[in-house]
Every structure is written in structure tokens, then in C-alpha cells.
Amino acid sequence: MNPNSEQKRIAFGYNREYGKIVCYKTQALCVKLIFMFYLEGRSISNIKEVLESMGLPSPLNRPKWGKQVIANILSNPHYTGIDGYPQIITPEDFEEVQKIKASKTYK
């Protein structure tokens, strides 16, 4: 994917400015929290509850978060800085999250 293309949607945590994809700071912090909470061992349901209790708006700017939205964020490799996206999380943290998710899926 070319980040400078005219695609309509970009990942939560990013914004387009002058044809480039840049971090949208408040959303990027939310992405970091989601990864941090998951790496701490919290469930997606618990992360959903915490984000809502903190009053952080979802990607659709709503007060309620969907579990699938959080799962999608945890599965999106763009957050590691690939394809011209700025890095929000480390590749190591992303890989660790994928391992945790896979271990829960196959139990």
C-alpha cells in the first residue's frame, strides 16, 4: 500500500496532512494504551471497559468501543511503521501481541 495514495481510510491513530500520513497524537496514545494493556494480560473486554471508563472516543468518535475494533487495532501491522506509516509501537511489541493472540485462539 502506498501511504501517499488517495485512499480514503487510514488506520486509527493516523491522519493525512499534505498528502502524507502522520500520527494523530491523541489517537496514537490510545493505540499505545491498547497494546500496553494487552501485553499486561488484560482481555479485549477489559480493555474496552477501561477505554470507555477513561472517556476515550472510539475510531468512530463514539463513547462505546467494539471488541472487534480493538482486535483489529491489535492485528494491524501499520502501527510498527511499515508502508510509510509512522511507528506507534515497536515491532517486538506487535509480534508479542500476535503470539499472545495466537495462544488464546488455539486453546
PDB file of N, CA and C in Angstrom:
ATOM      1  N   MET A   1       0.828  -1.177   0.000  1.00  0.00           N
ATOM      2  CA  MET A   1       0.000   0.000   0.000  1.00  0.00           C
ATOM      3  C   MET A   1       0.876   1.245   0.000  1.00  0.00           C
ATOM      4  N   ASN A   2       0.520   2.195  -0.775  1.00  0.00           N
ATOM      5  CA  ASN A   2       1.246   3.451  -0.851  1.00  0.00           C
ATOM      6  C   ASN A   2       0.581   4.481   0.065  1.00  0.00           C
ATOM      7  N   PRO A   3       1.276   4.917   1.137  1.00  0.00           N
ATOM      8  CA  PRO A   3       0.651   5.856   2.075  1.00  0.00           C
ATOM      9  C   PRO A   3       0.353   7.215   1.463  1.00  0.00           C
ATOM     10  N   ASN A   4       0.970   7.528   0.336  1.00  0.00           N
ATOM     11  CA  ASN A   4       0.714   8.814  -0.303  1.00  0.00           C
ATOM     12  C   ASN A   4      -0.406   8.733  -1.330  1.00  0.00           C
ATOM     13  N   SER A   5      -1.046   7.560  -1.414  1.00  0.00           N
ATOM     14  CA  SER A   5      -2.142   7.408  -2.359  1.00  0.00           C
ATOM     15  C   SER A   5      -3.359   8.173  -1.856  1.00  0.00           C
ATOM     16  N   GLU A   6      -4.376   8.169  -2.642  1.00  0.00           N
ATOM     17  CA  GLU A   6      -5.599   8.879  -2.279  1.00  0.00           C
ATOM     18  C   GLU A   6      -6.609   7.960  -1.584  1.00  0.00           C
ATOM     19  N   GLN A   7      -6.130   6.883  -0.960  1.00  0.00           N
ATOM     20  CA  GLN A   7      -7.057   6.002  -0.260  1.00  0.00           C
ATOM     21  C   GLN A   7      -7.857   6.816   0.738  1.00  0.00           C
ATOM     22  N   LYS A   8      -9.097   6.422   0.927  1.00  0.00           N
ATOM     23  CA  LYS A   8      -9.986   7.212   1.772  1.00  0.00           C
ATOM     24  C   LYS A   8      -9.763   6.966   3.250  1.00  0.00           C
ATOM     25  N   ARG A   9      -9.510   5.720   3.613  1.00  0.00           N
ATOM     26  CA  ARG A   9      -9.381   5.396   5.030  1.00  0.00           C
ATOM     27  C   ARG A   9      -7.933   5.103   5.377  1.00  0.00           C
ATOM     28  N   ILE A  10      -7.532   5.614   6.516  1.00  0.00           N
ATOM     29  CA  ILE A  10      -6.239   5.243   7.062  1.00  0.00           C
ATOM     30  C   ILE A  10      -6.494   4.730   8.471  1.00  0.00           C
ATOM     31  N   ALA A  11      -5.526   4.050   9.022  1.00  0.00           N
ATOM     32  CA  ALA A  11      -5.696   3.408  10.326  1.00  0.00           C
ATOM     33  C   ALA A  11      -5.938   4.430  11.436  1.00  0.00           C
ATOM     34  N   PHE A  12      -6.717   3.995  12.438  1.00  0.00           N
ATOM     35  CA  PHE A  12      -6.927   4.783  13.651  1.00  0.00           C
ATOM     36  C   PHE A  12      -5.552   5.098  14.238  1.00  0.00           C
ATOM     37  N   GLY A  13      -5.356   6.337  14.648  1.00  0.00           N
ATOM     38  CA  GLY A  13      -4.071   6.750  15.205  1.00  0.00           C
ATOM     39  C   GLY A  13      -3.271   7.596  14.232  1.00  0.00           C
ATOM     40  N   TYR A  14      -3.784   7.701  13.002  1.00  0.00           N
ATOM     41  CA  TYR A  14      -3.092   8.463  11.964  1.00  0.00           C
ATOM     42  C   TYR A  14      -4.024   9.489  11.347  1.00  0.00           C
ATOM     43  N   ASN A  15      -3.420  10.460  10.703  1.00  0.00           N
ATOM     44  CA  ASN A  15      -4.140  11.493   9.983  1.00  0.00           C
ATOM     45  C   ASN A  15      -3.365  11.771   8.701  1.00  0.00           C
ATOM     46  N   ARG A  16      -4.023  12.341   7.733  1.00  0.00           N
ATOM     47  CA  ARG A  16      -3.334  12.714   6.499  1.00  0.00           C
ATOM     48  C   ARG A  16      -3.144  14.226   6.491  1.00  0.00           C
ATOM     49  N   GLU A  17      -1.907  14.645   6.304  1.00  0.00           N
ATOM     50  CA  GLU A  17      -1.593  16.070   6.215  1.00  0.00           C
ATOM     51  C   GLU A  17      -0.699  16.295   5.017  1.00  0.00           C
ATOM     52  N   TYR A  18      -1.154  17.145   4.127  1.00  0.00           N
ATOM     53  CA  TYR A  18      -0.390  17.491   2.932  1.00  0.00           C
ATOM     54  C   TYR A  18       0.039  16.253   2.147  1.00  0.00           C
ATOM     55  N   GLY A  19      -0.880  15.274   2.058  1.00  0.00           N
ATOM     56  CA  GLY A  19      -0.619  14.070   1.283  1.00  0.00           C
ATOM     57  C   GLY A  19       0.221  13.022   1.985  1.00  0.00           C
ATOM     58  N   LYS A  20       0.617  13.270   3.219  1.00  0.00           N
ATOM     59  CA  LYS A  20       1.416  12.304   3.978  1.00  0.00           C
ATOM     60  C   LYS A  20       0.613  11.802   5.167  1.00  0.00           C
ATOM     61  N   ILE A  21       0.904  10.579   5.572  1.00  0.00           N
ATOM     62  CA  ILE A  21       0.262  10.020   6.757  1.00  0.00           C
ATOM     63  C   ILE A  21       1.135  10.342   7.963  1.00  0.00           C
ATOM     64  N   VAL A  22       0.517  10.959   8.966  1.00  0.00           N
ATOM     65  CA  VAL A  22       1.214  11.359  10.185  1.00  0.00           C
ATOM     66  C   VAL A  22       0.441  10.827  11.402  1.00  0.00           C
ATOM     67  N   CYS A  23       1.136  10.755  12.536  1.00  0.00           N
ATOM     68  CA  CYS A  23       0.465  10.335  13.768  1.00  0.00           C
ATOM     69  C   CYS A  23      -0.518  11.405  14.211  1.00  0.00           C
ATOM     70  N   TYR A  24      -1.685  10.947  14.637  1.00  0.00           N
ATOM     71  CA  TYR A  24      -2.678  11.807  15.266  1.00  0.00           C
ATOM     72  C   TYR A  24      -2.494  11.550  16.761  1.00  0.00           C
ATOM     73  N   LYS A  25      -1.833  12.460  17.438  1.00  0.00           N
ATOM     74  CA  LYS A  25      -1.272  12.208  18.765  1.00  0.00           C
ATOM     75  C   LYS A  25      -2.228  11.586  19.781  1.00  0.00           C
ATOM     76  N   THR A  26      -3.428  12.122  19.934  1.00  0.00           N
ATOM     77  CA  THR A  26      -4.323  11.576  20.956  1.00  0.00           C
ATOM     78  C   THR A  26      -4.755  10.146  20.604  1.00  0.00           C
ATOM     79  N   GLN A  27      -5.023   9.896  19.327  1.00  0.00           N
ATOM     80  CA  GLN A  27      -5.395   8.539  18.923  1.00  0.00           C
ATOM     81  C   GLN A  27      -4.194   7.601  19.019  1.00  0.00           C
ATOM     82  N   ALA A  28      -3.009   8.093  18.682  1.00  0.00           N
ATOM     83  CA  ALA A  28      -1.802   7.264  18.777  1.00  0.00           C
ATOM     84  C   ALA A  28      -1.551   6.841  20.228  1.00  0.00           C
ATOM     85  N   LEU A  29      -1.815   7.738  21.169  1.00  0.00           N
ATOM     86  CA  LEU A  29      -1.678   7.382  22.588  1.00  0.00           C
ATOM     87  C   LEU A  29      -2.673   6.291  22.974  1.00  0.00           C
ATOM     88  N   CYS A  30      -3.860   6.356  22.404  1.00  0.00           N
ATOM     89  CA  CYS A  30      -4.876   5.344  22.656  1.00  0.00           C
ATOM     90  C   CYS A  30      -4.417   3.990  22.109  1.00  0.00           C
ATOM     91  N   VAL A  31      -3.822   3.994  20.927  1.00  0.00           N
ATOM     92  CA  VAL A  31      -3.288   2.760  20.340  1.00  0.00           C
ATOM     93  C   VAL A  31      -2.210   2.183  21.255  1.00  0.00           C
ATOM     94  N   LYS A  32      -1.313   3.037  21.747  1.00  0.00           N
ATOM     95  CA  LYS A  32      -0.260   2.581  22.667  1.00  0.00           C
ATOM     96  C   LYS A  32      -0.874   1.957  23.916  1.00  0.00           C
ATOM     97  N   LEU A  33      -1.908   2.597  24.461  1.00  0.00           N
ATOM     98  CA  LEU A  33      -2.578   2.050  25.644  1.00  0.00           C
ATOM     99  C   LEU A  33      -3.164   0.671  25.370  1.00  0.00           C
ATOM    100  N   ILE A  34      -3.809   0.515  24.222  1.00  0.00           N
ATOM    101  CA  ILE A  34      -4.418  -0.769  23.872  1.00  0.00           C
ATOM    102  C   ILE A  34      -3.359  -1.860  23.839  1.00  0.00           C
ATOM    103  N   PHE A  35      -2.227  -1.593  23.191  1.00  0.00           N
ATOM    104  CA  PHE A  35      -1.158  -2.584  23.136  1.00  0.00           C
ATOM    105  C   PHE A  35      -0.567  -2.836  24.519  1.00  0.00           C
ATOM    106  N   MET A  36      -0.357  -1.779  25.281  1.00  0.00           N
ATOM    107  CA  MET A  36       0.211  -1.931  26.623  1.00  0.00           C
ATOM    108  C   MET A  36      -0.711  -2.768  27.518  1.00  0.00           C
ATOM    109  N   PHE A  37      -1.998  -2.457  27.495  1.00  0.00           N
ATOM    110  CA  PHE A  37      -2.956  -3.212  28.309  1.00  0.00           C
ATOM    111  C   PHE A  37      -2.975  -4.686  27.901  1.00  0.00           C
ATOM    112  N   TYR A  38      -2.948  -4.949  26.614  1.00  0.00           N
ATOM    113  CA  TYR A  38      -2.984  -6.344  26.148  1.00  0.00           C
ATOM    114  C   TYR A  38      -1.713  -7.079  26.566  1.00  0.00           C
ATOM    115  N   LEU A  39      -0.575  -6.399  26.459  1.00  0.00           N
ATOM    116  CA  LEU A  39       0.691  -7.019  26.880  1.00  0.00           C
ATOM    117  C   LEU A  39       0.738  -7.246  28.389  1.00  0.00           C
ATOM    118  N   GLU A  40      -0.029  -6.474  29.146  1.00  0.00           N
ATOM    119  CA  GLU A  40      -0.123  -6.677  30.602  1.00  0.00           C
ATOM    120  C   GLU A  40      -0.978  -7.886  30.948  1.00  0.00           C
ATOM    121  N   GLY A  41      -1.677  -8.424  29.944  1.00  0.00           N
ATOM    122  CA  GLY A  41      -2.518  -9.590  30.184  1.00  0.00           C
ATOM    123  C   GLY A  41      -4.001  -9.296  30.279  1.00  0.00           C
ATOM    124  N   ARG A  42      -4.390  -8.076  29.988  1.00  0.00           N
ATOM    125  CA  ARG A  42      -5.811  -7.731  30.026  1.00  0.00           C
ATOM    126  C   ARG A  42      -6.528  -8.320  28.812  1.00  0.00           C
ATOM    127  N   SER A  43      -7.774  -8.648  28.998  1.00  0.00           N
ATOM    128  CA  SER A  43      -8.591  -9.162  27.896  1.00  0.00           C
ATOM    129  C   SER A  43      -9.099  -7.993  27.046  1.00  0.00           C
ATOM    130  N   ILE A  44      -9.545  -8.317  25.851  1.00  0.00           N
ATOM    131  CA  ILE A  44     -10.112  -7.289  24.986  1.00  0.00           C
ATOM    132  C   ILE A  44     -11.347  -6.671  25.644  1.00  0.00           C
ATOM    133  N   SER A  45     -12.155  -7.499  26.306  1.00  0.00           N
ATOM    134  CA  SER A  45     -13.337  -6.974  27.014  1.00  0.00           C
ATOM    135  C   SER A  45     -12.942  -5.985  28.103  1.00  0.00           C
ATOM    136  N   ASN A  46     -11.877  -6.313  28.836  1.00  0.00           N
ATOM    137  CA  ASN A  46     -11.418  -5.413  29.888  1.00  0.00           C
ATOM    138  C   ASN A  46     -10.868  -4.119  29.293  1.00  0.00           C
ATOM    139  N   ILE A  47     -10.122  -4.222  28.204  1.00  0.00           N
ATOM    140  CA  ILE A  47      -9.587  -3.030  27.546  1.00  0.00           C
ATOM    141  C   ILE A  47     -10.738  -2.135  27.104  1.00  0.00           C
ATOM    142  N   LYS A  48     -11.778  -2.728  26.544  1.00  0.00           N
ATOM    143  CA  LYS A  48     -12.972  -1.987  26.116  1.00  0.00           C
ATOM    144  C   LYS A  48     -13.551  -1.201  27.294  1.00  0.00           C
ATOM    145  N   GLU A  49     -13.710  -1.874  28.437  1.00  0.00           N
ATOM    146  CA  GLU A  49     -14.263  -1.232  29.629  1.00  0.00           C
ATOM    147  C   GLU A  49     -13.380  -0.081  30.107  1.00  0.00           C
ATOM    148  N   VAL A  50     -12.071  -0.304  30.104  1.00  0.00           N
ATOM    149  CA  VAL A  50     -11.146   0.730  30.583  1.00  0.00           C
ATOM    150  C   VAL A  50     -11.176   1.951  29.665  1.00  0.00           C
ATOM    151  N   LEU A  51     -11.140   1.726  28.345  1.00  0.00           N
ATOM    152  CA  LEU A  51     -11.173   2.846  27.408  1.00  0.00           C
ATOM    153  C   LEU A  51     -12.448   3.665  27.569  1.00  0.00           C
ATOM    154  N   GLU A  52     -13.575   2.962  27.747  1.00  0.00           N
ATOM    155  CA  GLU A  52     -14.850   3.650  27.938  1.00  0.00           C
ATOM    156  C   GLU A  52     -14.881   4.409  29.259  1.00  0.00           C
ATOM    157  N   SER A  53     -14.331   3.808  30.320  1.00  0.00           N
ATOM    158  CA  SER A  53     -14.328   4.482  31.620  1.00  0.00           C
ATOM    159  C   SER A  53     -13.409   5.703  31.618  1.00  0.00           C
ATOM    160  N   MET A  54     -12.389   5.682  30.758  1.00  0.00           N
ATOM    161  CA  MET A  54     -11.481   6.822  30.635  1.00  0.00           C
ATOM    162  C   MET A  54     -12.078   7.919  29.749  1.00  0.00           C
ATOM    163  N   GLY A  55     -13.187   7.606  29.076  1.00  0.00           N
ATOM    164  CA  GLY A  55     -13.827   8.584  28.203  1.00  0.00           C
ATOM    165  C   GLY A  55     -13.118   8.781  26.877  1.00  0.00           C
ATOM    166  N   LEU A  56     -12.323   7.789  26.466  1.00  0.00           N
ATOM    167  CA  LEU A  56     -11.609   7.895  25.189  1.00  0.00           C
ATOM    168  C   LEU A  56     -12.538   7.503  24.054  1.00  0.00           C
ATOM    169  N   PRO A  57     -12.700   8.364  23.058  1.00  0.00           N
ATOM    170  CA  PRO A  57     -13.618   8.051  21.971  1.00  0.00           C
ATOM    171  C   PRO A  57     -13.070   6.969  21.039  1.00  0.00           C
ATOM    172  N   SER A  58     -13.979   6.174  20.518  1.00  0.00           N
ATOM    173  CA  SER A  58     -13.635   5.106  19.584  1.00  0.00           C
ATOM    174  C   SER A  58     -13.227   5.709  18.236  1.00  0.00           C
ATOM    175  N   PRO A  59     -12.760   4.868  17.307  1.00  0.00           N
ATOM    176  CA  PRO A  59     -12.413   5.383  15.980  1.00  0.00           C
ATOM    177  C   PRO A  59     -13.568   6.099  15.273  1.00  0.00           C
ATOM    178  N   LEU A  60     -14.794   5.769  15.618  1.00  0.00           N
ATOM    179  CA  LEU A  60     -15.945   6.455  15.037  1.00  0.00           C
ATOM    180  C   LEU A  60     -16.377   7.643  15.892  1.00  0.00           C
ATOM    181  N   ASN A  61     -15.517   8.015  16.845  1.00  0.00           N
ATOM    182  CA  ASN A  61     -15.752   9.152  17.738  1.00  0.00           C
ATOM    183  C   ASN A  61     -16.993   8.952  18.611  1.00  0.00           C
ATOM    184  N   ARG A  62     -17.189   7.713  19.021  1.00  0.00           N
ATOM    185  CA  ARG A  62     -18.306   7.369  19.903  1.00  0.00           C
ATOM    186  C   ARG A  62     -17.767   6.978  21.275  1.00  0.00           C
ATOM    187  N   PRO A  63     -18.597   7.072  22.310  1.00  0.00           N
ATOM    188  CA  PRO A  63     -18.120   6.727  23.650  1.00  0.00           C
ATOM    189  C   PRO A  63     -17.953   5.218  23.863  1.00  0.00           C
ATOM    190  N   LYS A  64     -18.620   4.407  23.061  1.00  0.00           N
ATOM    191  CA  LYS A  64     -18.542   2.947  23.210  1.00  0.00           C
ATOM    192  C   LYS A  64     -17.549   2.367  22.208  1.00  0.00           C
ATOM    193  N   TRP A  65     -16.774   1.407  22.684  1.00  0.00           N
ATOM    194  CA  TRP A  65     -15.804   0.706  21.854  1.00  0.00           C
ATOM    195  C   TRP A  65     -16.334  -0.679  21.521  1.00  0.00           C
ATOM    196  N   GLY A  66     -16.084  -1.137  20.318  1.00  0.00           N
ATOM    197  CA  GLY A  66     -16.412  -2.504  19.943  1.00  0.00           C
ATOM    198  C   GLY A  66     -15.204  -3.399  20.172  1.00  0.00           C
ATOM    199  N   LYS A  67     -15.465  -4.621  20.623  1.00  0.00           N
ATOM    200  CA  LYS A  67     -14.356  -5.549  20.845  1.00  0.00           C
ATOM    201  C   LYS A  67     -13.615  -5.848  19.544  1.00  0.00           C
ATOM    202  N   GLN A  68     -14.358  -5.931  18.425  1.00  0.00           N
ATOM    203  CA  GLN A  68     -13.710  -6.210  17.145  1.00  0.00           C
ATOM    204  C   GLN A  68     -12.806  -5.056  16.709  1.00  0.00           C
ATOM    205  N   VAL A  69     -13.189  -3.831  17.045  1.00  0.00           N
ATOM    206  CA  VAL A  69     -12.351  -2.671  16.728  1.00  0.00           C
ATOM    207  C   VAL A  69     -11.004  -2.798  17.440  1.00  0.00           C
ATOM    208  N   ILE A  70     -11.047  -3.178  18.704  1.00  0.00           N
ATOM    209  CA  ILE A  70      -9.814  -3.338  19.481  1.00  0.00           C
ATOM    210  C   ILE A  70      -8.995  -4.493  18.916  1.00  0.00           C
ATOM    211  N   ALA A  71      -9.658  -5.594  18.578  1.00  0.00           N
ATOM    212  CA  ALA A  71      -8.959  -6.739  17.983  1.00  0.00           C
ATOM    213  C   ALA A  71      -8.293  -6.339  16.667  1.00  0.00           C
ATOM    214  N   ASN A  72      -8.986  -5.532  15.867  1.00  0.00           N
ATOM    215  CA  ASN A  72      -8.413  -5.074  14.599  1.00  0.00           C
ATOM    216  C   ASN A  72      -7.183  -4.194  14.824  1.00  0.00           C
ATOM    217  N   ILE A  73      -7.239  -3.328  15.820  1.00  0.00           N
ATOM    218  CA  ILE A  73      -6.086  -2.483  16.144  1.00  0.00           C
ATOM    219  C   ILE A  73      -4.906  -3.364  16.535  1.00  0.00           C
ATOM    220  N   LEU A  74      -5.164  -4.372  17.363  1.00  0.00           N
ATOM    221  CA  LEU A  74      -4.093  -5.267  17.809  1.00  0.00           C
ATOM    222  C   LEU A  74      -3.510  -6.108  16.675  1.00  0.00           C
ATOM    223  N   SER A  75      -4.220  -6.210  15.562  1.00  0.00           N
ATOM    224  CA  SER A  75      -3.760  -7.013  14.423  1.00  0.00           C
ATOM    225  C   SER A  75      -3.170  -6.182  13.290  1.00  0.00           C
ATOM    226  N   ASN A  76      -3.154  -4.884  13.419  1.00  0.00           N
ATOM    227  CA  ASN A  76      -2.741  -4.018  12.314  1.00  0.00           C
ATOM    228  C   ASN A  76      -1.230  -3.748  12.361  1.00  0.00           C
ATOM    229  N   PRO A  77      -0.479  -4.291  11.401  1.00  0.00           N
ATOM    230  CA  PRO A  77       0.973  -4.095  11.414  1.00  0.00           C
ATOM    231  C   PRO A  77       1.428  -2.683  11.055  1.00  0.00           C
ATOM    232  N   HIS A  78       0.531  -1.839  10.548  1.00  0.00           N
ATOM    233  CA  HIS A  78       0.929  -0.469  10.214  1.00  0.00           C
ATOM    234  C   HIS A  78       1.470   0.278  11.431  1.00  0.00           C
ATOM    235  N   TYR A  79       1.006  -0.109  12.619  1.00  0.00           N
ATOM    236  CA  TYR A  79       1.449   0.588  13.826  1.00  0.00           C
ATOM    237  C   TYR A  79       2.942   0.407  14.103  1.00  0.00           C
ATOM    238  N   THR A  80       3.584  -0.554  13.428  1.00  0.00           N
ATOM    239  CA  THR A  80       5.021  -0.775  13.602  1.00  0.00           C
ATOM    240  C   THR A  80       5.845   0.117  12.685  1.00  0.00           C
ATOM    241  N   GLY A  81       5.167   0.872  11.826  1.00  0.00           N
ATOM    242  CA  GLY A  81       5.892   1.784  10.949  1.00  0.00           C
ATOM    243  C   GLY A  81       6.127   1.252   9.548  1.00  0.00           C
ATOM    244  N   ILE A  82       5.365   0.242   9.133  1.00  0.00           N
ATOM    245  CA  ILE A  82       5.556  -0.279   7.778  1.00  0.00           C
ATOM    246  C   ILE A  82       4.769   0.535   6.756  1.00  0.00           C
ATOM    247  N   ASP A  83       5.133   0.367   5.514  1.00  0.00           N
ATOM    248  CA  ASP A  83       4.437   1.002   4.380  1.00  0.00           C
ATOM    249  C   ASP A  83       4.374   2.521   4.489  1.00  0.00           C
ATOM    250  N   GLY A  84       5.368   3.118   5.098  1.00  0.00           N
ATOM    251  CA  GLY A  84       5.398   4.573   5.186  1.00  0.00           C
ATOM    252  C   GLY A  84       4.591   5.167   6.322  1.00  0.00           C
ATOM    253  N   TYR A  85       3.944   4.326   7.122  1.00  0.00           N
ATOM    254  CA  TYR A  85       3.222   4.825   8.298  1.00  0.00           C
ATOM    255  C   TYR A  85       4.230   5.113   9.401  1.00  0.00           C
ATOM    256  N   PRO A  86       4.060   6.189  10.156  1.00  0.00           N
ATOM    257  CA  PRO A  86       4.936   6.437  11.307  1.00  0.00           C
ATOM    258  C   PRO A  86       4.751   5.341  12.364  1.00  0.00           C
ATOM    259  N   GLN A  87       5.820   5.016  13.042  1.00  0.00           N
ATOM    260  CA  GLN A  87       5.771   3.967  14.065  1.00  0.00           C
ATOM    261  C   GLN A  87       5.088   4.472  15.328  1.00  0.00           C
ATOM    262  N   ILE A  88       4.141   3.664  15.825  1.00  0.00           N
ATOM    263  CA  ILE A  88       3.472   3.962  17.101  1.00  0.00           C
ATOM    264  C   ILE A  88       3.911   2.943  18.144  1.00  0.00           C
ATOM    265  N   ILE A  89       4.065   1.700  17.730  1.00  0.00           N
ATOM    266  CA  ILE A  89       4.539   0.658  18.645  1.00  0.00           C
ATOM    267  C   ILE A  89       5.736  -0.047  18.020  1.00  0.00           C
ATOM    268  N   THR A  90       6.504  -0.732  18.845  1.00  0.00           N
ATOM    269  CA  THR A  90       7.680  -1.433  18.317  1.00  0.00           C
ATOM    270  C   THR A  90       7.267  -2.722  17.617  1.00  0.00           C
ATOM    271  N   PRO A  91       8.045  -3.141  16.640  1.00  0.00           N
ATOM    272  CA  PRO A  91       7.770  -4.434  16.005  1.00  0.00           C
ATOM    273  C   PRO A  91       7.784  -5.577  17.016  1.00  0.00           C
ATOM    274  N   GLU A  92       8.637  -5.469  18.035  1.00  0.00           N
ATOM    275  CA  GLU A  92       8.722  -6.512  19.054  1.00  0.00           C
ATOM    276  C   GLU A  92       7.420  -6.613  19.852  1.00  0.00           C
ATOM    277  N   ASP A  93       6.864  -5.466  20.233  1.00  0.00           N
ATOM    278  CA  ASP A  93       5.588  -5.483  20.953  1.00  0.00           C
ATOM    279  C   ASP A  93       4.475  -6.033  20.065  1.00  0.00           C
ATOM    280  N   PHE A  94       4.488  -5.654  18.793  1.00  0.00           N
ATOM    281  CA  PHE A  94       3.475  -6.166  17.872  1.00  0.00           C
ATOM    282  C   PHE A  94       3.577  -7.689  17.767  1.00  0.00           C
ATOM    283  N   GLU A  95       4.781  -8.208  17.606  1.00  0.00           N
ATOM    284  CA  GLU A  95       4.964  -9.656  17.488  1.00  0.00           C
ATOM    285  C   GLU A  95       4.552 -10.376  18.770  1.00  0.00           C
ATOM    286  N   GLU A  96       4.854  -9.789  19.906  1.00  0.00           N
ATOM    287  CA  GLU A  96       4.462 -10.398  21.185  1.00  0.00           C
ATOM    288  C   GLU A  96       2.939 -10.459  21.302  1.00  0.00           C
ATOM    289  N   VAL A  97       2.262  -9.408  20.896  1.00  0.00           N
ATOM    290  CA  VAL A  97       0.797  -9.399  20.911  1.00  0.00           C
ATOM    291  C   VAL A  97       0.251 -10.489  20.003  1.00  0.00           C
ATOM    292  N   GLN A  98       0.863 -10.671  18.829  1.00  0.00           N
ATOM    293  CA  GLN A  98       0.387 -11.700  17.904  1.00  0.00           C
ATOM    294  C   GLN A  98       0.556 -13.092  18.512  1.00  0.00           C
ATOM    295  N   LYS A  99       1.661 -13.306  19.229  1.00  0.00           N
ATOM    296  CA  LYS A  99       1.891 -14.593  19.896  1.00  0.00           C
ATOM    297  C   LYS A  99       0.837 -14.841  20.971  1.00  0.00           C
ATOM    298  N   ILE A 100       0.540 -13.816  21.755  1.00  0.00           N
ATOM    299  CA  ILE A 100      -0.463 -13.938  22.817  1.00  0.00           C
ATOM    300  C   ILE A 100      -1.828 -14.253  22.196  1.00  0.00           C
ATOM    301  N   LYS A 101      -2.184 -13.504  21.163  1.00  0.00           N
ATOM    302  CA  LYS A 101      -3.467 -13.734  20.493  1.00  0.00           C
ATOM    303  C   LYS A 101      -3.544 -15.153  19.936  1.00  0.00           C
ATOM    304  N   ALA A 102      -2.476 -15.625  19.321  1.00  0.00           N
ATOM    305  CA  ALA A 102      -2.472 -16.973  18.730  1.00  0.00           C
ATOM    306  C   ALA A 102      -2.610 -18.032  19.817  1.00  0.00           C
ATOM    307  N   SER A 103      -1.974 -17.804  20.971  1.00  0.00           N
ATOM    308  CA  SER A 103      -2.062 -18.794  22.052  1.00  0.00           C
ATOM    309  C   SER A 103      -3.481 -18.857  22.625  1.00  0.00           C
ATOM    310  N   LYS A 104      -4.194 -17.749  22.594  1.00  0.00           N
ATOM    311  CA  LYS A 104      -5.573 -17.735  23.091  1.00  0.00           C
ATOM    312  C   LYS A 104      -6.520 -18.342  22.066  1.00  0.00           C
ATOM    313  N   THR A 105      -6.224 -18.178  20.799  1.00  0.00           N
ATOM    314  CA  THR A 105      -7.081 -18.673  19.726  1.00  0.00           C
ATOM    315  C   THR A 105      -7.090 -20.193  19.664  1.00  0.00           C
ATOM    316  N   TYR A 106      -5.934 -20.793  19.926  1.00  0.00           N
ATOM    317  CA  TYR A 106      -5.801 -22.227  19.728  1.00  0.00           C
ATOM    318  C   TYR A 106      -5.940 -23.036  21.012  1.00  0.00           C
ATOM    319  N   LYS A 107      -6.402 -22.423  22.077  1.00  0.00           N
ATOM    320  CA  LYS A 107      -6.589 -23.167  23.334  1.00  0.00           C
ATOM    321  C   LYS A 107      -7.880 -23.921  23.338  1.00  0.00           C
TER     322      LYS A 107
END
